[in-house]
PDB file of N, CA and C in Angstrom:
ATOM      1  N   MET A   1      15.018   7.796   9.614  1.00  0.00           N
ATOM      2  CA  MET A   1      15.146   9.042   8.903  1.00  0.00           C
ATOM      3  C   MET A   1      14.087  10.009   9.422  1.00  0.00           C
ATOM      4  N   GLU A   2      14.500  11.200   9.777  1.00  0.00           N
ATOM      5  CA  GLU A   2      13.556  12.207  10.252  1.00  0.00           C
ATOM      6  C   GLU A   2      13.174  13.111   9.093  1.00  0.00           C
ATOM      7  N   LEU A   3      11.886  13.322   8.944  1.00  0.00           N
ATOM      8  CA  LEU A   3      11.351  14.118   7.849  1.00  0.00           C
ATOM      9  C   LEU A   3      10.371  15.112   8.436  1.00  0.00           C
ATOM     10  N   ARG A   4      10.468  16.373   8.032  1.00  0.00           N
ATOM     11  CA  ARG A   4       9.541  17.408   8.496  1.00  0.00           C
ATOM     12  C   ARG A   4       9.127  18.274   7.324  1.00  0.00           C
ATOM     13  N   GLY A   5       7.953  18.873   7.463  1.00  0.00           N
ATOM     14  CA  GLY A   5       7.478  19.797   6.438  1.00  0.00           C
ATOM     15  C   GLY A   5       6.676  19.101   5.357  1.00  0.00           C
ATOM     16  N   ASP A   6       6.678  19.689   4.161  1.00  0.00           N
ATOM     17  CA  ASP A   6       5.880  19.166   3.058  1.00  0.00           C
ATOM     18  C   ASP A   6       6.389  17.801   2.615  1.00  0.00           C
ATOM     19  N   ALA A   7       5.451  16.901   2.377  1.00  0.00           N
ATOM     20  CA  ALA A   7       5.786  15.546   1.945  1.00  0.00           C
ATOM     21  C   ALA A   7       4.616  14.995   1.142  1.00  0.00           C
ATOM     22  N   LYS A   8       4.779  13.781   0.667  1.00  0.00           N
ATOM     23  CA  LYS A   8       3.727  13.081  -0.064  1.00  0.00           C
ATOM     24  C   LYS A   8       3.414  11.770   0.639  1.00  0.00           C
ATOM     25  N   LEU A   9       2.143  11.407   0.597  1.00  0.00           N
ATOM     26  CA  LEU A   9       1.668  10.137   1.135  1.00  0.00           C
ATOM     27  C   LEU A   9       1.175   9.299  -0.036  1.00  0.00           C
ATOM     28  N   LEU A  10       1.809   8.171  -0.252  1.00  0.00           N
ATOM     29  CA  LEU A  10       1.409   7.229  -1.291  1.00  0.00           C
ATOM     30  C   LEU A  10       0.593   6.147  -0.608  1.00  0.00           C
ATOM     31  N   ARG A  11      -0.633   5.953  -1.072  1.00  0.00           N
ATOM     32  CA  ARG A  11      -1.525   4.971  -0.448  1.00  0.00           C
ATOM     33  C   ARG A  11      -1.878   3.920  -1.499  1.00  0.00           C
ATOM     34  N   ILE A  12      -1.690   2.659  -1.135  1.00  0.00           N
ATOM     35  CA  ILE A  12      -1.898   1.549  -2.058  1.00  0.00           C
ATOM     36  C   ILE A  12      -2.933   0.609  -1.448  1.00  0.00           C
ATOM     37  N   PHE A  13      -4.029   0.403  -2.155  1.00  0.00           N
ATOM     38  CA  PHE A  13      -5.100  -0.485  -1.704  1.00  0.00           C
ATOM     39  C   PHE A  13      -4.972  -1.803  -2.466  1.00  0.00           C
ATOM     40  N   ILE A  14      -4.765  -2.894  -1.734  1.00  0.00           N
ATOM     41  CA  ILE A  14      -4.630  -4.222  -2.332  1.00  0.00           C
ATOM     42  C   ILE A  14      -5.406  -5.219  -1.482  1.00  0.00           C
ATOM     43  N   GLY A  15      -5.403  -6.486  -1.889  1.00  0.00           N
ATOM     44  CA  GLY A  15      -6.072  -7.528  -1.126  1.00  0.00           C
ATOM     45  C   GLY A  15      -5.101  -8.289  -0.237  1.00  0.00           C
ATOM     46  N   GLU A  16      -5.612  -8.797   0.857  1.00  0.00           N
ATOM     47  CA  GLU A  16      -4.795  -9.548   1.811  1.00  0.00           C
ATOM     48  C   GLU A  16      -4.161 -10.781   1.170  1.00  0.00           C
ATOM     49  N   GLN A  17      -4.852 -11.390   0.225  1.00  0.00           N
ATOM     50  CA  GLN A  17      -4.354 -12.609  -0.416  1.00  0.00           C
ATOM     51  C   GLN A  17      -3.456 -12.336  -1.614  1.00  0.00           C
ATOM     52  N   ASP A  18      -3.281 -11.076  -2.002  1.00  0.00           N
ATOM     53  CA  ASP A  18      -2.417 -10.748  -3.135  1.00  0.00           C
ATOM     54  C   ASP A  18      -0.984 -11.147  -2.815  1.00  0.00           C
ATOM     55  N   LYS A  19      -0.344 -11.786  -3.778  1.00  0.00           N
ATOM     56  CA  LYS A  19       1.011 -12.311  -3.570  1.00  0.00           C
ATOM     57  C   LYS A  19       1.975 -11.758  -4.612  1.00  0.00           C
ATOM     58  N   TYR A  20       3.230 -11.691  -4.211  1.00  0.00           N
ATOM     59  CA  TYR A  20       4.340 -11.467  -5.125  1.00  0.00           C
ATOM     60  C   TYR A  20       5.242 -12.677  -4.939  1.00  0.00           C
ATOM     61  N   GLU A  21       5.275 -13.533  -5.954  1.00  0.00           N
ATOM     62  CA  GLU A  21       5.936 -14.821  -5.844  1.00  0.00           C
ATOM     63  C   GLU A  21       5.339 -15.547  -4.640  1.00  0.00           C
ATOM     64  N   ASN A  22       6.098 -15.909  -3.622  1.00  0.00           N
ATOM     65  CA  ASN A  22       5.526 -16.649  -2.486  1.00  0.00           C
ATOM     66  C   ASN A  22       5.345 -15.789  -1.251  1.00  0.00           C
ATOM     67  N   ARG A  23       5.335 -14.482  -1.422  1.00  0.00           N
ATOM     68  CA  ARG A  23       5.286 -13.558  -0.285  1.00  0.00           C
ATOM     69  C   ARG A  23       4.042 -12.674  -0.401  1.00  0.00           C
ATOM     70  N   SER A  24       3.514 -12.253   0.736  1.00  0.00           N
ATOM     71  CA  SER A  24       2.398 -11.302   0.715  1.00  0.00           C
ATOM     72  C   SER A  24       2.831 -10.043  -0.015  1.00  0.00           C
ATOM     73  N   LEU A  25       1.970  -9.542  -0.886  1.00  0.00           N
ATOM     74  CA  LEU A  25       2.301  -8.358  -1.672  1.00  0.00           C
ATOM     75  C   LEU A  25       2.562  -7.158  -0.775  1.00  0.00           C
ATOM     76  N   TYR A  26       1.775  -7.009   0.300  1.00  0.00           N
ATOM     77  CA  TYR A  26       1.988  -5.860   1.177  1.00  0.00           C
ATOM     78  C   TYR A  26       3.357  -5.929   1.860  1.00  0.00           C
ATOM     79  N   GLU A  27       3.816  -7.136   2.202  1.00  0.00           N
ATOM     80  CA  GLU A  27       5.156  -7.286   2.780  1.00  0.00           C
ATOM     81  C   GLU A  27       6.224  -6.909   1.765  1.00  0.00           C
ATOM     82  N   LYS A  28       6.058  -7.354   0.538  1.00  0.00           N
ATOM     83  CA  LYS A  28       7.016  -7.035  -0.526  1.00  0.00           C
ATOM     84  C   LYS A  28       7.119  -5.524  -0.720  1.00  0.00           C
ATOM     85  N   ILE A  29       5.985  -4.823  -0.726  1.00  0.00           N
ATOM     86  CA  ILE A  29       5.987  -3.373  -0.929  1.00  0.00           C
ATOM     87  C   ILE A  29       6.720  -2.669   0.205  1.00  0.00           C
ATOM     88  N   VAL A  30       6.461  -3.069   1.446  1.00  0.00           N
ATOM     89  CA  VAL A  30       7.111  -2.425   2.593  1.00  0.00           C
ATOM     90  C   VAL A  30       8.621  -2.660   2.569  1.00  0.00           C
ATOM     91  N   VAL A  31       9.045  -3.866   2.266  1.00  0.00           N
ATOM     92  CA  VAL A  31      10.481  -4.154   2.204  1.00  0.00           C
ATOM     93  C   VAL A  31      11.131  -3.347   1.078  1.00  0.00           C
ATOM     94  N   MET A  32      10.455  -3.254  -0.070  1.00  0.00           N
ATOM     95  CA  MET A  32      10.987  -2.442  -1.173  1.00  0.00           C
ATOM     96  C   MET A  32      11.104  -0.979  -0.771  1.00  0.00           C
ATOM     97  N   ALA A  33      10.107  -0.470  -0.059  1.00  0.00           N
ATOM     98  CA  ALA A  33      10.131   0.928   0.385  1.00  0.00           C
ATOM     99  C   ALA A  33      11.303   1.161   1.334  1.00  0.00           C
ATOM    100  N   ARG A  34      11.513   0.234   2.245  1.00  0.00           N
ATOM    101  CA  ARG A  34      12.647   0.356   3.167  1.00  0.00           C
ATOM    102  C   ARG A  34      13.969   0.319   2.410  1.00  0.00           C
ATOM    103  N   ASP A  35      14.076  -0.608   1.478  1.00  0.00           N
ATOM    104  CA  ASP A  35      15.304  -0.731   0.692  1.00  0.00           C
ATOM    105  C   ASP A  35      15.557   0.505  -0.169  1.00  0.00           C
ATOM    106  N   ALA A  36      14.479   1.183  -0.576  1.00  0.00           N
ATOM    107  CA  ALA A  36      14.598   2.405  -1.379  1.00  0.00           C
ATOM    108  C   ALA A  36      14.886   3.625  -0.510  1.00  0.00           C
ATOM    109  N   GLY A  37      14.873   3.430   0.819  1.00  0.00           N
ATOM    110  CA  GLY A  37      15.183   4.526   1.734  1.00  0.00           C
ATOM    111  C   GLY A  37      14.027   5.460   2.014  1.00  0.00           C
ATOM    112  N   LEU A  38      12.788   5.021   1.737  1.00  0.00           N
ATOM    113  CA  LEU A  38      11.639   5.866   2.049  1.00  0.00           C
ATOM    114  C   LEU A  38      11.523   6.046   3.557  1.00  0.00           C
ATOM    115  N   ALA A  39      10.989   7.188   3.966  1.00  0.00           N
ATOM    116  CA  ALA A  39      10.980   7.574   5.382  1.00  0.00           C
ATOM    117  C   ALA A  39      10.104   6.683   6.253  1.00  0.00           C
ATOM    118  N   GLY A  40       8.967   6.219   5.733  1.00  0.00           N
ATOM    119  CA  GLY A  40       8.090   5.424   6.581  1.00  0.00           C
ATOM    120  C   GLY A  40       7.075   4.633   5.792  1.00  0.00           C
ATOM    121  N   ALA A  41       6.635   3.513   6.375  1.00  0.00           N
ATOM    122  CA  ALA A  41       5.634   2.647   5.766  1.00  0.00           C
ATOM    123  C   ALA A  41       4.759   2.060   6.859  1.00  0.00           C
ATOM    124  N   THR A  42       3.473   1.957   6.569  1.00  0.00           N
ATOM    125  CA  THR A  42       2.516   1.355   7.492  1.00  0.00           C
ATOM    126  C   THR A  42       1.528   0.532   6.683  1.00  0.00           C
ATOM    127  N   VAL A  43       1.127  -0.628   7.211  1.00  0.00           N
ATOM    128  CA  VAL A  43       0.109  -1.461   6.585  1.00  0.00           C
ATOM    129  C   VAL A  43      -1.064  -1.563   7.543  1.00  0.00           C
ATOM    130  N   MET A  44      -2.263  -1.344   7.005  1.00  0.00           N
ATOM    131  CA  MET A  44      -3.491  -1.451   7.805  1.00  0.00           C
ATOM    132  C   MET A  44      -4.459  -2.398   7.112  1.00  0.00           C
ATOM    133  N   LYS A  45      -5.237  -3.107   7.910  1.00  0.00           N
ATOM    134  CA  LYS A  45      -6.253  -4.004   7.374  1.00  0.00           C
ATOM    135  C   LYS A  45      -7.610  -3.328   7.458  1.00  0.00           C
ATOM    136  N   GLY A  46      -8.325  -3.337   6.351  1.00  0.00           N
ATOM    137  CA  GLY A  46      -9.682  -2.798   6.331  1.00  0.00           C
ATOM    138  C   GLY A  46     -10.658  -3.804   6.911  1.00  0.00           C
ATOM    139  N   VAL A  47     -11.793  -3.318   7.405  1.00  0.00           N
ATOM    140  CA  VAL A  47     -12.783  -4.224   7.989  1.00  0.00           C
ATOM    141  C   VAL A  47     -14.072  -4.298   7.177  1.00  0.00           C
ATOM    142  N   PHE A  48     -14.272  -3.356   6.249  1.00  0.00           N
ATOM    143  CA  PHE A  48     -15.487  -3.375   5.439  1.00  0.00           C
ATOM    144  C   PHE A  48     -15.243  -2.491   4.232  1.00  0.00           C
ATOM    145  N   SER A  49     -15.319  -3.070   3.041  1.00  0.00           N
ATOM    146  CA  SER A  49     -15.006  -2.263   1.861  1.00  0.00           C
ATOM    147  C   SER A  49     -15.550  -2.905   0.596  1.00  0.00           C
ATOM    148  N   TYR A  50     -15.485  -2.135  -0.496  1.00  0.00           N
ATOM    149  CA  TYR A  50     -15.662  -2.679  -1.834  1.00  0.00           C
ATOM    150  C   TYR A  50     -14.818  -1.838  -2.770  1.00  0.00           C
ATOM    151  N   GLY A  51     -14.537  -2.395  -3.930  1.00  0.00           N
ATOM    152  CA  GLY A  51     -13.703  -1.688  -4.902  1.00  0.00           C
ATOM    153  C   GLY A  51     -14.264  -1.834  -6.295  1.00  0.00           C
ATOM    154  N   ALA A  52     -13.384  -1.971  -7.277  1.00  0.00           N
ATOM    155  CA  ALA A  52     -13.772  -1.991  -8.684  1.00  0.00           C
ATOM    156  C   ALA A  52     -14.770  -3.101  -8.999  1.00  0.00           C
ATOM    157  N   SER A  53     -14.682  -4.228  -8.327  1.00  0.00           N
ATOM    158  CA  SER A  53     -15.592  -5.350  -8.593  1.00  0.00           C
ATOM    159  C   SER A  53     -16.953  -5.172  -7.926  1.00  0.00           C
ATOM    160  N   SER A  54     -17.083  -4.202  -7.034  1.00  0.00           N
ATOM    161  CA  SER A  54     -18.293  -3.952  -6.233  1.00  0.00           C
ATOM    162  C   SER A  54     -18.596  -5.089  -5.266  1.00  0.00           C
ATOM    163  N   ARG A  55     -17.676  -6.038  -5.096  1.00  0.00           N
ATOM    164  CA  ARG A  55     -17.862  -7.121  -4.137  1.00  0.00           C
ATOM    165  C   ARG A  55     -17.514  -6.616  -2.746  1.00  0.00           C
ATOM    166  N   ILE A  56     -18.406  -6.861  -1.791  1.00  0.00           N
ATOM    167  CA  ILE A  56     -18.187  -6.430  -0.408  1.00  0.00           C
ATOM    168  C   ILE A  56     -17.174  -7.354   0.266  1.00  0.00           C
ATOM    169  N   HIS A  57     -16.211  -6.748   0.940  1.00  0.00           N
ATOM    170  CA  HIS A  57     -15.255  -7.468   1.787  1.00  0.00           C
ATOM    171  C   HIS A  57     -15.578  -7.059   3.221  1.00  0.00           C
ATOM    172  N   THR A  58     -15.735  -8.043   4.099  1.00  0.00           N
ATOM    173  CA  THR A  58     -16.106  -7.728   5.471  1.00  0.00           C
ATOM    174  C   THR A  58     -15.363  -8.622   6.457  1.00  0.00           C
ATOM    175  N   ALA A  59     -15.212  -8.134   7.669  1.00  0.00           N
ATOM    176  CA  ALA A  59     -14.535  -8.896   8.724  1.00  0.00           C
ATOM    177  C   ALA A  59     -15.529  -9.390   9.764  1.00  0.00           C
ATOM    178  N   LYS A  60     -16.804  -9.480   9.400  1.00  0.00           N
ATOM    179  CA  LYS A  60     -17.792  -9.979  10.357  1.00  0.00           C
ATOM    180  C   LYS A  60     -17.448 -11.405  10.755  1.00  0.00           C
ATOM    181  N   ILE A  61     -17.746 -11.739  11.986  1.00  0.00           N
ATOM    182  CA  ILE A  61     -17.327 -13.021  12.550  1.00  0.00           C
ATOM    183  C   ILE A  61     -17.880 -14.224  11.786  1.00  0.00           C
ATOM    184  N   PHE A  62     -19.092 -14.113  11.217  1.00  0.00           N
ATOM    185  CA  PHE A  62     -19.672 -15.253  10.519  1.00  0.00           C
ATOM    186  C   PHE A  62     -19.405 -15.230   9.027  1.00  0.00           C
ATOM    187  N   ASP A  63     -18.698 -14.234   8.561  1.00  0.00           N
ATOM    188  CA  ASP A  63     -18.307 -14.157   7.155  1.00  0.00           C
ATOM    189  C   ASP A  63     -16.838 -14.543   7.092  1.00  0.00           C
ATOM    190  N   PHE A  64     -16.545 -15.620   6.439  1.00  0.00           N
ATOM    191  CA  PHE A  64     -15.198 -16.169   6.479  1.00  0.00           C
ATOM    192  C   PHE A  64     -14.311 -15.663   5.348  1.00  0.00           C
ATOM    193  N   SER A  65     -14.509 -14.441   4.958  1.00  0.00           N
ATOM    194  CA  SER A  65     -13.679 -13.844   3.921  1.00  0.00           C
ATOM    195  C   SER A  65     -12.221 -13.840   4.362  1.00  0.00           C
ATOM    196  N   GLN A  66     -11.373 -14.368   3.516  1.00  0.00           N
ATOM    197  CA  GLN A  66      -9.940 -14.380   3.810  1.00  0.00           C
ATOM    198  C   GLN A  66      -9.190 -13.369   2.956  1.00  0.00           C
ATOM    199  N   ASP A  67      -9.926 -12.536   2.244  1.00  0.00           N
ATOM    200  CA  ASP A  67      -9.269 -11.561   1.376  1.00  0.00           C
ATOM    201  C   ASP A  67      -9.680 -10.155   1.777  1.00  0.00           C
ATOM    202  N   MET A  68      -9.283  -9.776   2.963  1.00  0.00           N
ATOM    203  CA  MET A  68      -9.613  -8.447   3.463  1.00  0.00           C
ATOM    204  C   MET A  68      -8.758  -7.403   2.748  1.00  0.00           C
ATOM    205  N   PRO A  69      -9.282  -6.176   2.675  1.00  0.00           N
ATOM    206  CA  PRO A  69      -8.489  -5.112   2.051  1.00  0.00           C
ATOM    207  C   PRO A  69      -7.299  -4.738   2.925  1.00  0.00           C
ATOM    208  N   MET A  70      -6.188  -4.463   2.271  1.00  0.00           N
ATOM    209  CA  MET A  70      -4.973  -4.016   2.951  1.00  0.00           C
ATOM    210  C   MET A  70      -4.607  -2.654   2.373  1.00  0.00           C
ATOM    211  N   ILE A  71      -4.252  -1.733   3.236  1.00  0.00           N
ATOM    212  CA  ILE A  71      -3.854  -0.393   2.816  1.00  0.00           C
ATOM    213  C   ILE A  71      -2.404  -0.199   3.231  1.00  0.00           C
ATOM    214  N   VAL A  72      -1.560   0.053   2.244  1.00  0.00           N
ATOM    215  CA  VAL A  72      -0.143   0.313   2.496  1.00  0.00           C
ATOM    216  C   VAL A  72       0.070   1.811   2.321  1.00  0.00           C
ATOM    217  N   GLU A  73       0.583   2.461   3.351  1.00  0.00           N
ATOM    218  CA  GLU A  73       0.872   3.892   3.278  1.00  0.00           C
ATOM    219  C   GLU A  73       2.377   4.107   3.357  1.00  0.00           C
ATOM    220  N   LEU A  74       2.884   4.889   2.407  1.00  0.00           N
ATOM    221  CA  LEU A  74       4.303   5.236   2.358  1.00  0.00           C
ATOM    222  C   LEU A  74       4.416   6.747   2.370  1.00  0.00           C
ATOM    223  N   VAL A  75       5.351   7.280   3.135  1.00  0.00           N
ATOM    224  CA  VAL A  75       5.507   8.731   3.217  1.00  0.00           C
ATOM    225  C   VAL A  75       6.965   9.113   3.011  1.00  0.00           C
ATOM    226  N   ASP A  76       7.158  10.174   2.235  1.00  0.00           N
ATOM    227  CA  ASP A  76       8.491  10.733   2.019  1.00  0.00           C
ATOM    228  C   ASP A  76       8.334  11.988   1.166  1.00  0.00           C
ATOM    229  N   THR A  77       9.460  12.503   0.697  1.00  0.00           N
ATOM    230  CA  THR A  77       9.431  13.689  -0.159  1.00  0.00           C
ATOM    231  C   THR A  77       8.781  13.340  -1.496  1.00  0.00           C
ATOM    232  N   GLU A  78       8.335  14.373  -2.195  1.00  0.00           N
ATOM    233  CA  GLU A  78       7.725  14.164  -3.508  1.00  0.00           C
ATOM    234  C   GLU A  78       8.687  13.439  -4.452  1.00  0.00           C
ATOM    235  N   GLU A  79       9.945  13.821  -4.425  1.00  0.00           N
ATOM    236  CA  GLU A  79      10.936  13.210  -5.312  1.00  0.00           C
ATOM    237  C   GLU A  79      11.107  11.714  -5.039  1.00  0.00           C
ATOM    238  N   LYS A  80      11.193  11.341  -3.771  1.00  0.00           N
ATOM    239  CA  LYS A  80      11.406   9.929  -3.443  1.00  0.00           C
ATOM    240  C   LYS A  80      10.161   9.093  -3.733  1.00  0.00           C
ATOM    241  N   ILE A  81       8.984   9.658  -3.446  1.00  0.00           N
ATOM    242  CA  ILE A  81       7.743   8.933  -3.757  1.00  0.00           C
ATOM    243  C   ILE A  81       7.607   8.762  -5.268  1.00  0.00           C
ATOM    244  N   SER A  82       7.828   9.836  -6.021  1.00  0.00           N
ATOM    245  CA  SER A  82       7.745   9.757  -7.489  1.00  0.00           C
ATOM    246  C   SER A  82       8.743   8.750  -8.044  1.00  0.00           C
ATOM    247  N   GLY A  83       9.924   8.708  -7.472  1.00  0.00           N
ATOM    248  CA  GLY A  83      10.935   7.758  -7.919  1.00  0.00           C
ATOM    249  C   GLY A  83      10.606   6.312  -7.594  1.00  0.00           C
ATOM    250  N   PHE A  84       9.773   6.096  -6.586  1.00  0.00           N
ATOM    251  CA  PHE A  84       9.409   4.745  -6.161  1.00  0.00           C
ATOM    252  C   PHE A  84       8.295   4.148  -7.028  1.00  0.00           C
ATOM    253  N   ILE A  85       7.477   4.988  -7.627  1.00  0.00           N
ATOM    254  CA  ILE A  85       6.289   4.518  -8.349  1.00  0.00           C
ATOM    255  C   ILE A  85       6.616   3.559  -9.496  1.00  0.00           C
ATOM    256  N   PRO A  86       7.624   3.801 -10.341  1.00  0.00           N
ATOM    257  CA  PRO A  86       7.912   2.826 -11.403  1.00  0.00           C
ATOM    258  C   PRO A  86       8.252   1.428 -10.866  1.00  0.00           C
ATOM    259  N   THR A  87       8.986   1.351  -9.775  1.00  0.00           N
ATOM    260  CA  THR A  87       9.303   0.063  -9.159  1.00  0.00           C
ATOM    261  C   THR A  87       8.038  -0.601  -8.637  1.00  0.00           C
ATOM    262  N   LEU A  88       7.178   0.184  -8.002  1.00  0.00           N
ATOM    263  CA  LEU A  88       5.900  -0.332  -7.508  1.00  0.00           C
ATOM    264  C   LEU A  88       5.061  -0.866  -8.662  1.00  0.00           C
ATOM    265  N   ASP A  89       4.986  -0.115  -9.762  1.00  0.00           N
ATOM    266  CA  ASP A  89       4.220  -0.561 -10.932  1.00  0.00           C
ATOM    267  C   ASP A  89       4.722  -1.906 -11.451  1.00  0.00           C
ATOM    268  N   GLU A  90       6.035  -2.083 -11.499  1.00  0.00           N
ATOM    269  CA  GLU A  90       6.608  -3.354 -11.965  1.00  0.00           C
ATOM    270  C   GLU A  90       6.187  -4.514 -11.072  1.00  0.00           C
ATOM    271  N   VAL A  91       6.231  -4.299  -9.769  1.00  0.00           N
ATOM    272  CA  VAL A  91       5.858  -5.359  -8.825  1.00  0.00           C
ATOM    273  C   VAL A  91       4.372  -5.684  -8.947  1.00  0.00           C
ATOM    274  N   LEU A  92       3.531  -4.661  -9.053  1.00  0.00           N
ATOM    275  CA  LEU A  92       2.097  -4.904  -9.194  1.00  0.00           C
ATOM    276  C   LEU A  92       1.800  -5.652 -10.489  1.00  0.00           C
ATOM    277  N   GLU A  93       2.473  -5.278 -11.571  1.00  0.00           N
ATOM    278  CA  GLU A  93       2.267  -5.965 -12.844  1.00  0.00           C
ATOM    279  C   GLU A  93       2.718  -7.418 -12.747  1.00  0.00           C
ATOM    280  N   HIS A  94       3.862  -7.653 -12.156  1.00  0.00           N
ATOM    281  CA  HIS A  94       4.385  -9.016 -11.998  1.00  0.00           C
ATOM    282  C   HIS A  94       3.462  -9.870 -11.130  1.00  0.00           C
ATOM    283  N   SER A  95       2.861  -9.262 -10.126  1.00  0.00           N
ATOM    284  CA  SER A  95       1.995 -10.016  -9.208  1.00  0.00           C
ATOM    285  C   SER A  95       0.645 -10.342  -9.836  1.00  0.00           C
ATOM    286  N   GLY A  96       0.249  -9.577 -10.857  1.00  0.00           N
ATOM    287  CA  GLY A  96      -1.065  -9.775 -11.462  1.00  0.00           C
ATOM    288  C   GLY A  96      -2.197  -9.252 -10.607  1.00  0.00           C
ATOM    289  N   SER A  97      -1.873  -8.496  -9.582  1.00  0.00           N
ATOM    290  CA  SER A  97      -2.879  -7.972  -8.656  1.00  0.00           C
ATOM    291  C   SER A  97      -3.331  -6.587  -9.088  1.00  0.00           C
ATOM    292  N   GLY A  98      -4.594  -6.343  -8.921  1.00  0.00           N
ATOM    293  CA  GLY A  98      -5.097  -4.996  -9.138  1.00  0.00           C
ATOM    294  C   GLY A  98      -4.827  -4.159  -7.898  1.00  0.00           C
ATOM    295  N   ALA A  99      -4.732  -2.870  -8.093  1.00  0.00           N
ATOM    296  CA  ALA A  99      -4.498  -1.980  -6.955  1.00  0.00           C
ATOM    297  C   ALA A  99      -5.068  -0.612  -7.274  1.00  0.00           C
ATOM    298  N   LEU A 100      -5.498   0.069  -6.237  1.00  0.00           N
ATOM    299  CA  LEU A 100      -5.849   1.480  -6.330  1.00  0.00           C
ATOM    300  C   LEU A 100      -4.720   2.219  -5.640  1.00  0.00           C
ATOM    301  N   ILE A 101      -4.151   3.206  -6.335  1.00  0.00           N
ATOM    302  CA  ILE A 101      -3.023   3.958  -5.789  1.00  0.00           C
ATOM    303  C   ILE A 101      -3.384   5.432  -5.784  1.00  0.00           C
ATOM    304  N   THR A 102      -3.197   6.080  -4.639  1.00  0.00           N
ATOM    305  CA  THR A 102      -3.445   7.517  -4.531  1.00  0.00           C
ATOM    306  C   THR A 102      -2.207   8.196  -3.950  1.00  0.00           C
ATOM    307  N   ILE A 103      -2.083   9.474  -4.267  1.00  0.00           N
ATOM    308  CA  ILE A 103      -1.020  10.297  -3.686  1.00  0.00           C
ATOM    309  C   ILE A 103      -1.679  11.555  -3.156  1.00  0.00           C
ATOM    310  N   GLU A 104      -1.294  11.950  -1.966  1.00  0.00           N
ATOM    311  CA  GLU A 104      -1.792  13.208  -1.429  1.00  0.00           C
ATOM    312  C   GLU A 104      -0.668  13.963  -0.745  1.00  0.00           C
ATOM    313  N   SER A 105      -0.840  15.264  -0.700  1.00  0.00           N
ATOM    314  CA  SER A 105       0.126  16.117  -0.016  1.00  0.00           C
ATOM    315  C   SER A 105      -0.147  16.081   1.473  1.00  0.00           C
ATOM    316  N   VAL A 106       0.916  15.984   2.253  1.00  0.00           N
ATOM    317  CA  VAL A 106       0.808  15.991   3.712  1.00  0.00           C
ATOM    318  C   VAL A 106       1.877  16.915   4.271  1.00  0.00           C
ATOM    319  N   GLU A 107       1.651  17.340   5.493  1.00  0.00           N
ATOM    320  CA  GLU A 107       2.664  18.111   6.204  1.00  0.00           C
ATOM    321  C   GLU A 107       3.072  17.311   7.423  1.00  0.00           C
ATOM    322  N   ILE A 108       4.325  16.997   7.514  1.00  0.00           N
ATOM    323  CA  ILE A 108       4.835  16.236   8.649  1.00  0.00           C
ATOM    324  C   ILE A 108       5.257  17.228   9.720  1.00  0.00           C
ATOM    325  N   ILE A 109       4.653  17.093  10.897  1.00  0.00           N
ATOM    326  CA  ILE A 109       4.933  18.045  11.971  1.00  0.00           C
ATOM    327  C   ILE A 109       5.848  17.470  13.044  1.00  0.00           C
ATOM    328  N   LYS A 110       5.936  16.169  13.132  1.00  0.00           N
ATOM    329  CA  LYS A 110       6.788  15.560  14.160  1.00  0.00           C
ATOM    330  C   LYS A 110       7.196  14.177  13.755  1.00  0.00           C
TER     331      LYS A 110
END
């Protein structure tokens, strides 16, 4: 799907070990976004962070943390992003995982 002009970026911060049933939560979110017809989805792994717990997550070679931060970014029109949020909330609640969710306005140029 090609999208240009004003859009919204939904960003979801979760943990690498967060699960939905037997699947990685970030995989579940991306598949749901695709099934909902959202224009695009990307997952990125963080290398150094902290969140609500103030616990540091790091990817240093001698730190064997297996719960690195994952950032899921979804982009589409305001209407489609707004329509996706209730489904996302249900999945996050079912998974028992905490998440930080942000929305920002973006302009898609290409």
